[in-house]
Protein backbone atom coordinates (compact mmCIF):
# COMPACT_ATOMS: atom_id res chain seq x y z
CA UNK A 1 139.75 85.98 97.56
CA UNK A 2 138.33 82.63 98.25
CA UNK A 3 137.31 80.83 95.80
CA UNK A 4 133.47 80.24 95.77
CA UNK A 5 132.15 77.00 95.98
CA UNK A 6 129.18 75.33 94.99
CA UNK A 7 125.64 74.97 96.87
CA UNK A 8 124.54 71.71 96.92
CA UNK A 9 120.48 72.33 97.85
CA UNK A 10 118.13 68.92 99.26
CA UNK A 11 117.15 68.17 95.85
CA UNK A 12 121.09 67.82 94.84
CA UNK A 13 120.81 70.44 92.44
CA UNK A 14 124.09 71.58 90.42
CA UNK A 15 125.07 74.96 91.00
CA UNK A 16 126.10 77.66 88.43
CA UNK A 17 127.93 81.08 88.68
CA UNK A 18 126.33 83.87 88.11
CA UNK A 19 129.41 86.69 87.91
CA UNK A 20 127.30 89.69 87.88
CA UNK A 21 125.64 89.25 91.09
CA UNK A 22 128.70 87.87 92.64
CA UNK A 23 126.70 84.92 94.02
CA UNK A 24 126.68 81.13 93.61
CA UNK A 25 122.82 79.74 93.10
CA UNK A 26 121.23 76.62 92.05
CA UNK A 27 119.31 76.06 89.30
CA UNK A 28 115.59 76.14 90.88
CA UNK A 29 113.94 73.14 91.52
CA UNK A 30 111.05 71.92 94.33
CA UNK A 31 110.91 70.99 97.55
CA UNK A 32 107.36 69.83 98.88
CA UNK A 33 104.69 72.30 97.06
CA UNK A 34 107.06 75.03 97.33
CA UNK A 35 109.64 76.47 94.15
CA UNK A 36 113.28 76.66 95.52
CA UNK A 37 116.24 78.17 95.01
CA UNK A 38 119.57 78.89 96.65
CA UNK A 39 123.22 80.54 96.96
CA UNK A 40 125.62 82.49 98.70
CA UNK A 41 127.32 85.88 98.32
CA UNK A 42 130.46 87.53 100.57
CA UNK A 43 129.75 84.20 103.27
CA UNK A 44 126.27 85.14 103.62
CA UNK A 45 123.83 82.25 102.71
CA UNK A 46 120.02 82.75 100.84
CA UNK A 47 117.50 80.21 100.08
CA UNK A 48 114.46 81.92 98.39
CA UNK A 49 111.08 79.93 97.71
CA UNK A 50 107.19 80.47 96.84
CA UNK A 51 104.31 77.53 96.79
CA UNK A 52 104.37 76.83 93.21
CA UNK A 53 100.48 76.21 93.37
CA UNK A 54 98.37 79.23 94.79
CA UNK A 55 93.98 80.06 94.00
CA UNK A 56 94.35 83.57 95.01
CA UNK A 57 97.35 86.25 95.06
CA UNK A 58 96.58 86.53 98.55
CA UNK A 59 97.43 83.06 98.82
CA UNK A 60 101.20 83.50 98.52
CA UNK A 61 103.76 83.70 101.02
CA UNK A 62 107.35 84.09 100.08
CA UNK A 63 110.31 83.96 102.28
CA UNK A 64 113.91 83.95 102.06
CA UNK A 65 116.09 82.89 104.95
CA UNK A 66 119.64 83.97 105.44
CA UNK A 67 122.37 82.03 106.74
CA UNK A 68 126.09 83.65 108.04
CA UNK A 69 128.56 81.24 106.85
CA UNK A 70 131.55 83.13 108.18
CA UNK A 71 133.09 81.98 111.57
CA UNK A 72 132.15 85.88 113.17
CA UNK A 73 129.40 87.85 113.35
CA UNK A 74 127.74 89.07 110.82
CA UNK A 75 125.98 92.74 110.80
CA UNK A 76 122.70 93.12 108.61
CA UNK A 77 120.51 96.23 107.72
CA UNK A 78 116.76 94.84 107.21
CA UNK A 79 115.73 97.99 106.67
CA UNK A 80 114.54 97.11 103.34
CA UNK A 81 114.68 93.24 104.27
CA UNK A 82 111.04 93.62 105.82
CA UNK A 83 109.20 95.17 102.70
CA UNK A 84 108.19 92.23 99.90
CA UNK A 85 107.65 95.63 97.63
CA UNK A 86 111.48 96.31 97.94
CA UNK A 87 112.66 93.12 97.78
CA UNK A 88 110.73 90.91 95.82
CA UNK A 89 110.23 91.44 91.37
CA UNK A 90 107.62 89.98 89.91
CA UNK A 91 106.27 89.33 86.11
CA UNK A 92 104.21 87.40 83.66
CA UNK A 93 105.79 83.89 82.38
CA UNK A 94 105.63 86.11 79.09
CA UNK A 95 107.94 89.05 80.86
CA UNK A 96 105.45 91.82 81.52
CA UNK A 97 105.34 93.10 85.05
CA UNK A 98 103.66 92.67 87.73
CA UNK A 99 103.20 95.58 89.57
CA UNK A 100 102.80 95.63 93.75
CA UNK A 101 101.43 97.80 96.11
CA UNK A 102 103.64 101.00 96.72
CA UNK A 103 106.34 100.69 99.29
CA UNK A 104 106.69 101.83 102.96
CA UNK A 105 107.78 105.52 103.47
CA UNK A 106 111.26 105.34 103.81
CA UNK A 107 112.77 105.70 107.47
CA UNK A 108 115.99 107.75 107.95
CA UNK A 109 119.32 105.10 108.54
CA UNK A 110 120.16 105.93 111.79
CA UNK A 111 122.72 103.00 111.62
CA UNK A 112 120.98 100.67 114.68
CA UNK A 113 117.45 100.83 113.51
CA UNK A 114 116.41 97.53 111.91
CA UNK A 115 120.11 95.50 112.05
CA UNK A 116 120.10 92.95 113.39
CA UNK A 117 123.73 90.34 113.79
CA UNK A 118 123.69 86.87 113.24
CA UNK A 119 126.41 85.01 114.69
CA UNK A 120 128.17 82.01 113.11
CA UNK A 121 125.94 79.45 111.21
CA UNK A 122 122.71 81.38 112.71
CA UNK A 123 120.12 82.76 110.29
CA UNK A 124 116.93 85.13 109.93
CA UNK A 125 113.83 84.20 108.07
CA UNK A 126 111.30 86.51 106.41
CA UNK A 127 107.81 86.25 104.74
CA UNK A 128 106.17 88.22 102.24
CA UNK A 129 102.52 87.94 101.85
CA UNK A 130 100.72 88.17 99.02
CA UNK A 131 97.59 90.09 100.61
CA UNK A 132 100.90 92.51 101.68
CA UNK A 133 102.43 92.67 98.14
CA UNK A 134 98.94 92.93 96.30
CA UNK A 135 96.32 95.10 98.47
CA UNK A 136 93.05 95.38 97.02
CA UNK A 137 94.17 93.71 93.60
CA UNK A 138 93.06 90.37 92.61
CA UNK A 139 95.96 89.16 90.22
CA UNK A 140 94.41 86.90 87.25
CA UNK A 141 94.71 83.20 86.77
CA UNK A 142 97.79 82.62 84.91
CA UNK A 143 101.61 82.03 85.31
CA UNK A 144 103.90 84.28 87.28
CA UNK A 145 108.14 84.63 88.20
CA UNK A 146 109.47 86.13 90.89
CA UNK A 147 112.70 86.82 92.36
CA UNK A 148 114.46 88.17 95.54
CA UNK A 149 116.46 90.92 95.51
CA UNK A 150 118.36 92.35 97.73
CA UNK A 151 121.34 94.97 97.52
CA UNK A 152 123.39 96.83 100.14
CA UNK A 153 126.68 98.68 99.44
CA UNK A 154 127.04 101.06 102.12
CA UNK A 155 129.62 99.98 104.73
CA UNK A 156 129.25 103.49 107.10
CA UNK A 157 127.30 101.27 109.51
CA UNK A 158 130.03 98.42 109.24
CA UNK A 159 127.10 96.25 108.14
CA UNK A 160 127.29 93.49 105.34
CA UNK A 161 127.64 94.16 101.69
CA UNK A 162 127.07 92.54 98.92
CA UNK A 163 124.04 91.61 96.48
CA UNK A 164 121.27 89.37 96.10
CA UNK A 165 119.34 88.37 92.84
CA UNK A 166 117.73 84.92 93.36
CA UNK A 167 116.71 82.88 89.85
CA UNK A 168 113.16 83.69 89.01
CA UNK A 169 110.99 81.16 90.50
CA UNK A 170 107.64 80.38 88.72
CA UNK A 171 104.21 79.78 90.47
CA UNK A 172 100.90 79.06 89.10
CA UNK A 173 97.89 80.66 90.24
CA UNK A 174 94.33 78.71 89.47
CA UNK A 175 91.10 79.33 91.29
């Protein structure tokens, strides 16, 4: 078994091991106007970011970038990665959950739909917009937390398997 490596983010963040999530993640920090956290699991590096100051929920644009750290091509199942309502969790800083809009209708997994192959060192980025996450809902002013959660334990189609659960990132909504 390979020993996990500690990641160094652009802000020289110190890494901390989260055994339950099986990934190495950096403490949340800031990069420009973004709150950011990074880490890796099973040779898949992730960087999750969100603006830390917003004027409305519609202004939210969370982004995750996944990078293949292995020396061989990596096949990812992106069916759930395409919908923020399936991979983002929101709550207020007091712990009150914040509901997103409804998830998309499930698609039948045929083993080909929604798959991408990342070569060694290649990345894929996914953006999640507030207007899609909170359709018709005007979030109230306040402080919020968001995290990215992605799990794939099914190796039937030889996709990457593992779990990513980032640190909570904070953002403020102030009109």
